[in-house]
Each structure stands twice: as structure tokens, then as C-alpha cells.
Amino acid sequence: MEERKGIVTMKGRPLTLLGSEIEAGDKAPDFEVVANDLTTVKFSSFAGRVCIISSVPSLDTSVCDTMTRRFNEQAGSLGGDVAVLTISMDLPFAQKRWCGAAGVKNLQTLSDYRDASFGKTYGVLIKELRLLARAVFVVDKDGVIRHKQLVGELANEPDYEAVLKAVKELL
């Protein structure tokens, strides 16, 4: 598996990403993750919808919490043609608990804990931590990645306005 070093950091410490890098313009690869009810979800099941895929290290950290709450707020105004997915390595039980406590209902949390299918396929699996890097992908209705943000420092938030602009251009 391809290793890419020093693209992201944690508190300034360089980390290694596993998997091939994908870019805007690439066909969005399919992957399998686990829903909060322990069912398997394939990304291909969202075909025909614009998708925001938000990748976070753990919902139980402040930046991931803030990021997911912000995307939940935005998802409420985007309509049914947009699916907002937040993917982490957190167990489905923890994701379900977090969503209940945070009142998150407009997006779907999905777990990559089983085999890191998303992390490896999208090149955001952190080798040293077995967590996902902070990233956002916007995928159009035809399954093409139209916007990508890989946040260089895990402690930083993404550019929310750029994500929202990319989504609105696709609607």
C-alpha cells in the first residue's frame, strides 16, 4: 500500500497517510463502512445525489465535534438531493451516542473501524494512529469528486465556505 509522508501533521508532528491520493476530477471510489445500526453501507448507495464526505479522526475531540455540528447545520438547509456523511474510526455505538448527545440528525455518521475501506481507498488513513485524517470531499450526482480538502494540521478546521460553495454549484 502506498505511503505518503508529511502531508498532514498532528501538533506539528508529521504523519504518514496510507492509500493512493485522489483528487478533484477523479471518479469517487466505492467503499464500505458501518452504520450506527451495524449494517454495512456502500458509498455507491448514494449514487444520484451530491455527497459531502467529511472525514474526521474522532467525534470525541473538540475540532471533530465542531466540524460535524457545523456540517449538520448546513445539511439542514441543503435539501434532499444532498447527502452529508461523516466518517471516522469511532465504533458505531460511540457515533450513535455522540449523535444523540449532540442532537445531530441532518447527516449520517459512518464507521470505518472494520477494515478502513474508506481510509485506504481515499488515502486518508493515518498509519501511526489508525485514525482518519481530517478531509472533506464533495462528490457530484455522477460520482465525480468536484472538491477536495485535506486539512494539513489535524487540529485545524476545514474551509466550510469553500465546501458549501462547491455543493451549491452542483445543485
N, C-alpha and C. Protein backbone atom coordinates (compact mmCIF):
# COMPACT_ATOMS: atom_id res chain seq x y z
N MET A 1 0.84 -1.17 0.00
CA MET A 1 0.00 0.00 0.00
C MET A 1 0.89 1.24 0.00
N GLU A 2 0.47 2.21 -0.79
CA GLU A 2 1.24 3.45 -0.91
C GLU A 2 1.27 4.21 0.42
N GLU A 3 2.43 4.75 0.76
CA GLU A 3 2.59 5.59 1.95
C GLU A 3 3.01 6.98 1.52
N ARG A 4 2.35 8.01 2.08
CA ARG A 4 2.66 9.40 1.77
C ARG A 4 2.97 10.11 3.08
N LYS A 5 4.21 10.54 3.21
CA LYS A 5 4.69 11.09 4.48
C LYS A 5 4.64 12.62 4.51
N GLY A 6 4.34 13.16 5.70
CA GLY A 6 4.45 14.59 5.93
C GLY A 6 3.37 15.46 5.31
N ILE A 7 2.31 14.88 4.77
CA ILE A 7 1.24 15.67 4.16
C ILE A 7 0.34 16.27 5.23
N VAL A 8 0.16 15.52 6.32
CA VAL A 8 -0.61 16.03 7.46
C VAL A 8 0.25 15.94 8.72
N THR A 9 -0.10 16.79 9.67
CA THR A 9 0.61 16.79 10.94
C THR A 9 -0.39 16.78 12.09
N MET A 10 0.11 16.37 13.26
CA MET A 10 -0.66 16.44 14.49
C MET A 10 0.19 17.21 15.48
N LYS A 11 -0.25 18.43 15.79
CA LYS A 11 0.51 19.34 16.66
C LYS A 11 1.93 19.52 16.12
N GLY A 12 2.03 19.63 14.79
CA GLY A 12 3.30 19.86 14.13
C GLY A 12 4.11 18.61 13.82
N ARG A 13 3.71 17.46 14.35
CA ARG A 13 4.44 16.22 14.12
C ARG A 13 3.96 15.58 12.82
N PRO A 14 4.87 15.34 11.85
CA PRO A 14 4.48 14.75 10.56
C PRO A 14 3.93 13.33 10.74
N LEU A 15 2.90 13.03 9.96
CA LEU A 15 2.27 11.71 9.98
C LEU A 15 2.30 11.11 8.58
N THR A 16 2.02 9.81 8.49
CA THR A 16 2.04 9.08 7.23
C THR A 16 0.62 8.70 6.86
N LEU A 17 0.22 9.02 5.62
CA LEU A 17 -1.09 8.60 5.11
C LEU A 17 -0.92 7.35 4.27
N LEU A 18 -1.86 6.42 4.44
CA LEU A 18 -1.87 5.19 3.67
C LEU A 18 -2.92 5.27 2.58
N GLY A 19 -2.61 4.72 1.43
CA GLY A 19 -3.54 4.69 0.30
C GLY A 19 -3.14 5.70 -0.76
N SER A 20 -3.71 5.52 -1.93
CA SER A 20 -3.41 6.42 -3.05
C SER A 20 -4.14 7.74 -2.89
N GLU A 21 -3.51 8.81 -3.31
CA GLU A 21 -4.14 10.12 -3.25
C GLU A 21 -5.17 10.23 -4.36
N ILE A 22 -6.33 10.75 -4.03
CA ILE A 22 -7.34 11.02 -5.06
C ILE A 22 -7.56 12.52 -5.11
N GLU A 23 -7.97 13.00 -6.27
CA GLU A 23 -8.08 14.44 -6.50
C GLU A 23 -9.43 14.80 -7.09
N ALA A 24 -9.74 16.10 -7.06
CA ALA A 24 -10.93 16.60 -7.75
C ALA A 24 -10.80 16.23 -9.23
N GLY A 25 -11.90 15.76 -9.79
CA GLY A 25 -11.91 15.30 -11.18
C GLY A 25 -11.85 13.79 -11.29
N ASP A 26 -11.39 13.11 -10.23
CA ASP A 26 -11.36 11.64 -10.22
C ASP A 26 -12.76 11.09 -9.96
N LYS A 27 -13.00 9.90 -10.48
CA LYS A 27 -14.23 9.18 -10.13
C LYS A 27 -14.12 8.80 -8.66
N ALA A 28 -15.19 9.04 -7.91
CA ALA A 28 -15.18 8.73 -6.47
C ALA A 28 -15.21 7.21 -6.30
N PRO A 29 -14.18 6.64 -5.69
CA PRO A 29 -14.16 5.18 -5.49
C PRO A 29 -15.24 4.74 -4.51
N ASP A 30 -15.75 3.54 -4.71
CA ASP A 30 -16.71 2.96 -3.78
C ASP A 30 -15.96 2.48 -2.54
N PHE A 31 -16.65 2.39 -1.43
CA PHE A 31 -16.09 1.88 -0.19
C PHE A 31 -17.22 1.35 0.66
N GLU A 32 -16.88 0.57 1.68
CA GLU A 32 -17.87 0.03 2.62
C GLU A 32 -17.54 0.49 4.02
N VAL A 33 -18.56 0.99 4.71
CA VAL A 33 -18.43 1.42 6.09
C VAL A 33 -19.61 0.84 6.88
N VAL A 34 -19.65 1.13 8.16
CA VAL A 34 -20.68 0.55 9.03
C VAL A 34 -21.54 1.67 9.61
N ALA A 35 -22.86 1.51 9.47
CA ALA A 35 -23.81 2.48 10.01
C ALA A 35 -23.96 2.28 11.51
N ASN A 36 -24.63 3.22 12.16
CA ASN A 36 -24.82 3.15 13.61
C ASN A 36 -25.62 1.93 14.05
N ASP A 37 -26.41 1.35 13.14
CA ASP A 37 -27.18 0.14 13.46
C ASP A 37 -26.43 -1.14 13.08
N LEU A 38 -25.13 -1.01 12.77
CA LEU A 38 -24.22 -2.10 12.43
C LEU A 38 -24.44 -2.70 11.04
N THR A 39 -25.27 -2.08 10.21
CA THR A 39 -25.43 -2.55 8.83
C THR A 39 -24.28 -2.00 8.00
N THR A 40 -23.95 -2.72 6.95
CA THR A 40 -22.90 -2.29 6.03
C THR A 40 -23.50 -1.30 5.03
N VAL A 41 -22.79 -0.22 4.79
CA VAL A 41 -23.23 0.80 3.85
C VAL A 41 -22.15 0.97 2.79
N LYS A 42 -22.58 0.88 1.51
CA LYS A 42 -21.66 1.14 0.40
C LYS A 42 -21.87 2.57 -0.07
N PHE A 43 -20.78 3.24 -0.41
CA PHE A 43 -20.91 4.60 -0.90
C PHE A 43 -21.76 4.63 -2.17
N SER A 44 -21.70 3.59 -2.97
CA SER A 44 -22.48 3.53 -4.22
C SER A 44 -23.99 3.65 -3.97
N SER A 45 -24.43 3.39 -2.74
CA SER A 45 -25.86 3.51 -2.43
C SER A 45 -26.32 4.97 -2.44
N PHE A 46 -25.39 5.92 -2.49
CA PHE A 46 -25.73 7.34 -2.53
C PHE A 46 -25.68 7.89 -3.96
N ALA A 47 -25.56 7.01 -4.95
CA ALA A 47 -25.48 7.43 -6.36
C ALA A 47 -26.68 8.30 -6.71
N GLY A 48 -26.44 9.32 -7.53
CA GLY A 48 -27.51 10.21 -7.96
C GLY A 48 -27.73 11.39 -7.03
N ARG A 49 -26.98 11.46 -5.94
CA ARG A 49 -27.07 12.58 -5.01
C ARG A 49 -25.71 13.26 -4.91
N VAL A 50 -25.73 14.54 -4.63
CA VAL A 50 -24.49 15.23 -4.30
C VAL A 50 -24.13 14.79 -2.89
N CYS A 51 -22.87 14.46 -2.66
CA CYS A 51 -22.44 13.99 -1.34
C CYS A 51 -21.29 14.83 -0.80
N ILE A 52 -21.43 15.18 0.47
CA ILE A 52 -20.31 15.75 1.22
C ILE A 52 -19.81 14.62 2.09
N ILE A 53 -18.55 14.24 1.91
CA ILE A 53 -17.94 13.22 2.76
C ILE A 53 -16.94 13.95 3.66
N SER A 54 -17.25 13.95 4.93
CA SER A 54 -16.40 14.60 5.93
C SER A 54 -15.69 13.50 6.70
N SER A 55 -14.38 13.54 6.67
CA SER A 55 -13.55 12.54 7.34
C SER A 55 -12.93 13.19 8.58
N VAL A 56 -13.12 12.55 9.74
CA VAL A 56 -12.60 13.12 11.00
C VAL A 56 -11.88 12.04 11.81
N PRO A 57 -10.87 12.45 12.62
CA PRO A 57 -10.18 11.47 13.46
C PRO A 57 -11.10 10.82 14.50
N SER A 58 -11.85 11.62 15.27
CA SER A 58 -12.76 11.08 16.28
C SER A 58 -13.79 12.13 16.69
N LEU A 59 -15.05 11.73 16.72
CA LEU A 59 -16.12 12.64 17.13
C LEU A 59 -15.94 13.13 18.57
N ASP A 60 -15.17 12.40 19.36
CA ASP A 60 -14.98 12.75 20.77
C ASP A 60 -13.84 13.74 20.99
N THR A 61 -13.47 14.47 19.94
CA THR A 61 -12.48 15.54 20.09
C THR A 61 -13.15 16.86 19.71
N SER A 62 -12.64 17.94 20.24
CA SER A 62 -13.33 19.23 20.08
C SER A 62 -13.45 19.69 18.63
N VAL A 63 -12.40 19.56 17.84
CA VAL A 63 -12.45 20.04 16.46
C VAL A 63 -13.40 19.17 15.63
N CYS A 64 -13.37 17.87 15.83
CA CYS A 64 -14.27 16.97 15.10
C CYS A 64 -15.71 17.22 15.50
N ASP A 65 -15.94 17.47 16.78
CA ASP A 65 -17.26 17.79 17.29
C ASP A 65 -17.77 19.06 16.61
N THR A 66 -16.96 20.10 16.62
CA THR A 66 -17.34 21.38 16.00
C THR A 66 -17.61 21.21 14.51
N MET A 67 -16.74 20.50 13.83
CA MET A 67 -16.85 20.29 12.38
C MET A 67 -18.14 19.54 12.04
N THR A 68 -18.43 18.50 12.78
CA THR A 68 -19.61 17.69 12.49
C THR A 68 -20.89 18.44 12.81
N ARG A 69 -20.89 19.20 13.90
CA ARG A 69 -22.06 20.02 14.22
C ARG A 69 -22.30 21.07 13.12
N ARG A 70 -21.22 21.66 12.63
CA ARG A 70 -21.35 22.68 11.57
C ARG A 70 -21.91 22.07 10.29
N PHE A 71 -21.41 20.90 9.90
CA PHE A 71 -21.95 20.26 8.70
C PHE A 71 -23.39 19.81 8.92
N ASN A 72 -23.74 19.43 10.13
CA ASN A 72 -25.12 19.07 10.44
C ASN A 72 -26.04 20.29 10.23
N GLU A 73 -25.61 21.46 10.69
CA GLU A 73 -26.39 22.69 10.49
C GLU A 73 -26.55 22.99 9.00
N GLN A 74 -25.47 22.90 8.25
CA GLN A 74 -25.52 23.18 6.81
C GLN A 74 -26.40 22.17 6.09
N ALA A 75 -26.32 20.91 6.51
CA ALA A 75 -27.09 19.85 5.84
C ALA A 75 -28.59 20.13 5.93
N GLY A 76 -29.02 20.75 7.02
CA GLY A 76 -30.43 21.04 7.20
C GLY A 76 -30.99 21.98 6.15
N SER A 77 -30.13 22.79 5.51
CA SER A 77 -30.61 23.75 4.52
C SER A 77 -30.29 23.35 3.08
N LEU A 78 -29.67 22.20 2.88
CA LEU A 78 -29.25 21.82 1.53
C LEU A 78 -30.28 20.99 0.76
N GLY A 79 -31.25 20.41 1.44
CA GLY A 79 -32.29 19.66 0.76
C GLY A 79 -31.94 18.19 0.57
N GLY A 80 -32.92 17.45 0.07
CA GLY A 80 -32.81 16.00 -0.06
C GLY A 80 -31.89 15.50 -1.16
N ASP A 81 -31.45 16.39 -2.05
CA ASP A 81 -30.54 15.97 -3.12
C ASP A 81 -29.09 15.89 -2.65
N VAL A 82 -28.86 16.26 -1.37
CA VAL A 82 -27.50 16.26 -0.83
C VAL A 82 -27.44 15.31 0.37
N ALA A 83 -26.49 14.39 0.32
CA ALA A 83 -26.22 13.51 1.46
C ALA A 83 -24.95 13.99 2.13
N VAL A 84 -25.01 14.15 3.45
CA VAL A 84 -23.83 14.57 4.21
C VAL A 84 -23.41 13.40 5.09
N LEU A 85 -22.20 12.93 4.89
CA LEU A 85 -21.67 11.76 5.60
C LEU A 85 -20.45 12.19 6.41
N THR A 86 -20.41 11.79 7.65
CA THR A 86 -19.22 11.99 8.47
C THR A 86 -18.68 10.61 8.80
N ILE A 87 -17.42 10.38 8.44
CA ILE A 87 -16.80 9.06 8.61
C ILE A 87 -15.62 9.18 9.57
N SER A 88 -15.58 8.26 10.52
CA SER A 88 -14.46 8.20 11.47
C SER A 88 -14.20 6.72 11.80
N MET A 89 -13.16 6.51 12.58
CA MET A 89 -12.85 5.16 13.04
C MET A 89 -13.56 4.84 14.36
N ASP A 90 -14.34 5.81 14.87
CA ASP A 90 -15.11 5.57 16.10
C ASP A 90 -16.04 4.37 15.88
N LEU A 91 -16.27 3.61 16.94
CA LEU A 91 -17.22 2.50 16.84
C LEU A 91 -18.62 3.02 16.58
N PRO A 92 -19.45 2.27 15.88
CA PRO A 92 -20.82 2.71 15.61
C PRO A 92 -21.60 3.08 16.87
N PHE A 93 -21.36 2.35 17.96
CA PHE A 93 -22.05 2.63 19.22
C PHE A 93 -21.69 4.03 19.73
N ALA A 94 -20.41 4.37 19.64
CA ALA A 94 -19.94 5.68 20.09
C ALA A 94 -20.51 6.78 19.19
N GLN A 95 -20.56 6.52 17.88
CA GLN A 95 -21.12 7.51 16.97
C GLN A 95 -22.60 7.76 17.28
N LYS A 96 -23.34 6.69 17.53
CA LYS A 96 -24.77 6.81 17.83
C LYS A 96 -24.97 7.61 19.12
N ARG A 97 -24.17 7.31 20.14
CA ARG A 97 -24.24 8.02 21.40
C ARG A 97 -23.92 9.49 21.20
N TRP A 98 -22.86 9.78 20.44
CA TRP A 98 -22.46 11.16 20.19
C TRP A 98 -23.57 11.92 19.46
N CYS A 99 -24.15 11.33 18.43
CA CYS A 99 -25.22 11.99 17.67
C CYS A 99 -26.41 12.32 18.56
N GLY A 100 -26.77 11.39 19.44
CA GLY A 100 -27.87 11.62 20.37
C GLY A 100 -27.57 12.77 21.31
N ALA A 101 -26.38 12.79 21.86
CA ALA A 101 -25.99 13.84 22.81
C ALA A 101 -25.86 15.19 22.12
N ALA A 102 -25.44 15.19 20.85
CA ALA A 102 -25.22 16.44 20.12
C ALA A 102 -26.46 16.91 19.37
N GLY A 103 -27.49 16.06 19.31
CA GLY A 103 -28.70 16.43 18.57
C GLY A 103 -28.49 16.46 17.07
N VAL A 104 -27.56 15.66 16.58
CA VAL A 104 -27.23 15.62 15.15
C VAL A 104 -28.20 14.68 14.44
N LYS A 105 -28.98 15.25 13.50
CA LYS A 105 -29.99 14.46 12.78
C LYS A 105 -29.98 14.68 11.28
N ASN A 106 -29.22 15.66 10.79
CA ASN A 106 -29.26 16.01 9.37
C ASN A 106 -28.15 15.35 8.55
N LEU A 107 -27.26 14.65 9.20
CA LEU A 107 -26.19 13.94 8.48
C LEU A 107 -26.10 12.53 9.03
N GLN A 108 -25.35 11.70 8.32
CA GLN A 108 -25.20 10.30 8.73
C GLN A 108 -23.76 10.07 9.15
N THR A 109 -23.58 9.54 10.37
CA THR A 109 -22.24 9.15 10.80
C THR A 109 -22.03 7.69 10.43
N LEU A 110 -20.84 7.41 9.93
CA LEU A 110 -20.48 6.06 9.48
C LEU A 110 -19.10 5.71 10.03
N SER A 111 -18.92 4.45 10.36
CA SER A 111 -17.68 3.99 10.96
C SER A 111 -16.84 3.19 9.97
N ASP A 112 -15.56 3.50 9.94
CA ASP A 112 -14.60 2.80 9.08
C ASP A 112 -13.75 1.83 9.90
N TYR A 113 -14.21 1.52 11.14
CA TYR A 113 -13.41 0.74 12.07
C TYR A 113 -13.11 -0.67 11.56
N ARG A 114 -14.01 -1.26 10.79
CA ARG A 114 -13.89 -2.67 10.45
C ARG A 114 -12.64 -2.98 9.63
N ASP A 115 -12.51 -2.35 8.48
CA ASP A 115 -11.32 -2.65 7.66
C ASP A 115 -10.72 -1.41 7.00
N ALA A 116 -11.10 -0.23 7.46
CA ALA A 116 -10.54 1.03 6.94
C ALA A 116 -10.71 1.15 5.42
N SER A 117 -11.83 0.66 4.92
CA SER A 117 -12.10 0.69 3.48
C SER A 117 -12.07 2.12 2.93
N PHE A 118 -12.75 3.03 3.61
CA PHE A 118 -12.74 4.42 3.16
C PHE A 118 -11.35 5.02 3.29
N GLY A 119 -10.75 4.88 4.46
CA GLY A 119 -9.44 5.48 4.71
C GLY A 119 -8.39 5.07 3.71
N LYS A 120 -8.33 3.79 3.39
CA LYS A 120 -7.34 3.30 2.43
C LYS A 120 -7.68 3.75 1.01
N THR A 121 -8.96 3.67 0.65
CA THR A 121 -9.38 3.98 -0.72
C THR A 121 -9.22 5.47 -1.03
N TYR A 122 -9.47 6.32 -0.04
CA TYR A 122 -9.37 7.76 -0.25
C TYR A 122 -8.04 8.34 0.21
N GLY A 123 -7.13 7.48 0.68
CA GLY A 123 -5.78 7.91 1.04
C GLY A 123 -5.71 8.78 2.27
N VAL A 124 -6.63 8.56 3.24
CA VAL A 124 -6.65 9.40 4.44
C VAL A 124 -6.47 8.61 5.74
N LEU A 125 -6.04 7.36 5.65
CA LEU A 125 -5.78 6.56 6.84
C LEU A 125 -4.40 6.90 7.38
N ILE A 126 -4.36 7.33 8.64
CA ILE A 126 -3.10 7.70 9.28
C ILE A 126 -2.44 6.45 9.84
N LYS A 127 -1.28 6.11 9.30
CA LYS A 127 -0.57 4.88 9.67
C LYS A 127 -0.25 4.81 11.17
N GLU A 128 0.28 5.89 11.70
CA GLU A 128 0.74 5.89 13.09
C GLU A 128 -0.40 5.79 14.11
N LEU A 129 -1.59 6.23 13.76
CA LEU A 129 -2.69 6.32 14.71
C LEU A 129 -3.88 5.40 14.40
N ARG A 130 -3.92 4.86 13.19
CA ARG A 130 -5.08 4.12 12.66
C ARG A 130 -6.37 4.93 12.86
N LEU A 131 -6.25 6.23 12.58
CA LEU A 131 -7.37 7.15 12.55
C LEU A 131 -7.42 7.77 11.17
N LEU A 132 -8.51 8.46 10.86
CA LEU A 132 -8.63 9.12 9.58
C LEU A 132 -8.16 10.57 9.69
N ALA A 133 -7.52 11.04 8.63
CA ALA A 133 -7.12 12.44 8.57
C ALA A 133 -8.37 13.30 8.37
N ARG A 134 -8.26 14.56 8.75
CA ARG A 134 -9.37 15.49 8.55
C ARG A 134 -9.39 15.89 7.07
N ALA A 135 -10.50 15.58 6.40
CA ALA A 135 -10.62 15.87 4.98
C ALA A 135 -12.10 16.03 4.63
N VAL A 136 -12.35 16.71 3.52
CA VAL A 136 -13.71 16.85 3.01
C VAL A 136 -13.67 16.63 1.50
N PHE A 137 -14.58 15.80 1.02
CA PHE A 137 -14.73 15.54 -0.40
C PHE A 137 -16.17 15.90 -0.79
N VAL A 138 -16.33 16.59 -1.90
CA VAL A 138 -17.67 16.85 -2.44
C VAL A 138 -17.75 16.06 -3.74
N VAL A 139 -18.77 15.20 -3.81
CA VAL A 139 -18.95 14.31 -4.96
C VAL A 139 -20.25 14.70 -5.67
N ASP A 140 -20.20 14.84 -7.00
CA ASP A 140 -21.40 15.23 -7.74
C ASP A 140 -22.34 14.05 -7.97
N LYS A 141 -23.48 14.32 -8.58
CA LYS A 141 -24.51 13.29 -8.79
C LYS A 141 -24.04 12.17 -9.70
N ASP A 142 -22.99 12.43 -10.51
CA ASP A 142 -22.43 11.41 -11.41
C ASP A 142 -21.28 10.64 -10.78
N GLY A 143 -20.99 10.92 -9.50
CA GLY A 143 -19.95 10.18 -8.81
C GLY A 143 -18.54 10.67 -9.06
N VAL A 144 -18.40 11.94 -9.42
CA VAL A 144 -17.08 12.52 -9.66
C VAL A 144 -16.76 13.49 -8.51
N ILE A 145 -15.54 13.39 -8.01
CA ILE A 145 -15.10 14.29 -6.94
C ILE A 145 -14.91 15.68 -7.55
N ARG A 146 -15.63 16.65 -7.01
CA ARG A 146 -15.57 18.02 -7.53
C ARG A 146 -14.82 18.97 -6.60
N HIS A 147 -14.62 18.58 -5.36
CA HIS A 147 -13.90 19.42 -4.41
C HIS A 147 -13.23 18.51 -3.39
N LYS A 148 -11.98 18.84 -3.05
CA LYS A 148 -11.25 18.06 -2.05
C LYS A 148 -10.49 19.02 -1.15
N GLN A 149 -10.59 18.78 0.14
CA GLN A 149 -9.78 19.50 1.12
C GLN A 149 -9.16 18.46 2.04
N LEU A 150 -7.86 18.42 2.07
CA LEU A 150 -7.14 17.62 3.05
C LEU A 150 -6.51 18.63 4.00
N VAL A 151 -7.00 18.67 5.23
CA VAL A 151 -6.55 19.67 6.19
C VAL A 151 -5.15 19.28 6.69
N GLY A 152 -4.19 20.14 6.47
CA GLY A 152 -2.79 19.82 6.75
C GLY A 152 -2.46 19.56 8.21
N GLU A 153 -3.11 20.28 9.11
CA GLU A 153 -2.89 20.10 10.55
C GLU A 153 -4.18 19.58 11.16
N LEU A 154 -4.12 18.41 11.82
CA LEU A 154 -5.33 17.77 12.35
C LEU A 154 -6.10 18.67 13.32
N ALA A 155 -5.43 19.59 13.97
CA ALA A 155 -6.09 20.46 14.94
C ALA A 155 -6.88 21.60 14.29
N ASN A 156 -6.77 21.74 12.96
CA ASN A 156 -7.46 22.83 12.26
C ASN A 156 -8.77 22.35 11.64
N GLU A 157 -9.69 23.30 11.44
CA GLU A 157 -10.96 23.02 10.78
C GLU A 157 -10.81 23.23 9.28
N PRO A 158 -11.71 22.64 8.50
CA PRO A 158 -11.67 22.86 7.05
C PRO A 158 -12.25 24.23 6.70
N ASP A 159 -12.18 24.58 5.43
CA ASP A 159 -12.78 25.81 4.91
C ASP A 159 -14.24 25.49 4.57
N TYR A 160 -15.13 25.74 5.52
CA TYR A 160 -16.55 25.39 5.36
C TYR A 160 -17.17 26.12 4.17
N GLU A 161 -16.82 27.39 3.99
CA GLU A 161 -17.42 28.19 2.92
C GLU A 161 -17.07 27.62 1.54
N ALA A 162 -15.85 27.14 1.38
CA ALA A 162 -15.45 26.54 0.10
C ALA A 162 -16.25 25.26 -0.17
N VAL A 163 -16.51 24.48 0.87
CA VAL A 163 -17.31 23.26 0.72
C VAL A 163 -18.73 23.62 0.31
N LEU A 164 -19.33 24.56 1.01
CA LEU A 164 -20.70 24.97 0.73
C LEU A 164 -20.81 25.54 -0.68
N LYS A 165 -19.83 26.33 -1.09
CA LYS A 165 -19.83 26.89 -2.45
C LYS A 165 -19.77 25.78 -3.49
N ALA A 166 -18.92 24.78 -3.27
CA ALA A 166 -18.79 23.67 -4.21
C ALA A 166 -20.11 22.90 -4.32
N VAL A 167 -20.78 22.70 -3.19
CA VAL A 167 -22.06 21.98 -3.21
C VAL A 167 -23.12 22.77 -3.96
N LYS A 168 -23.22 24.05 -3.65
CA LYS A 168 -24.25 24.90 -4.29
C LYS A 168 -24.06 24.99 -5.79
N GLU A 169 -22.81 24.94 -6.25
CA GLU A 169 -22.55 24.97 -7.70
C GLU A 169 -23.05 23.70 -8.38
N LEU A 170 -23.22 22.63 -7.63
CA LEU A 170 -23.65 21.36 -8.20
C LEU A 170 -25.18 21.18 -8.16
N LEU A 171 -25.86 22.03 -7.43
CA LEU A 171 -27.31 21.91 -7.30
C LEU A 171 -28.06 22.69 -8.36
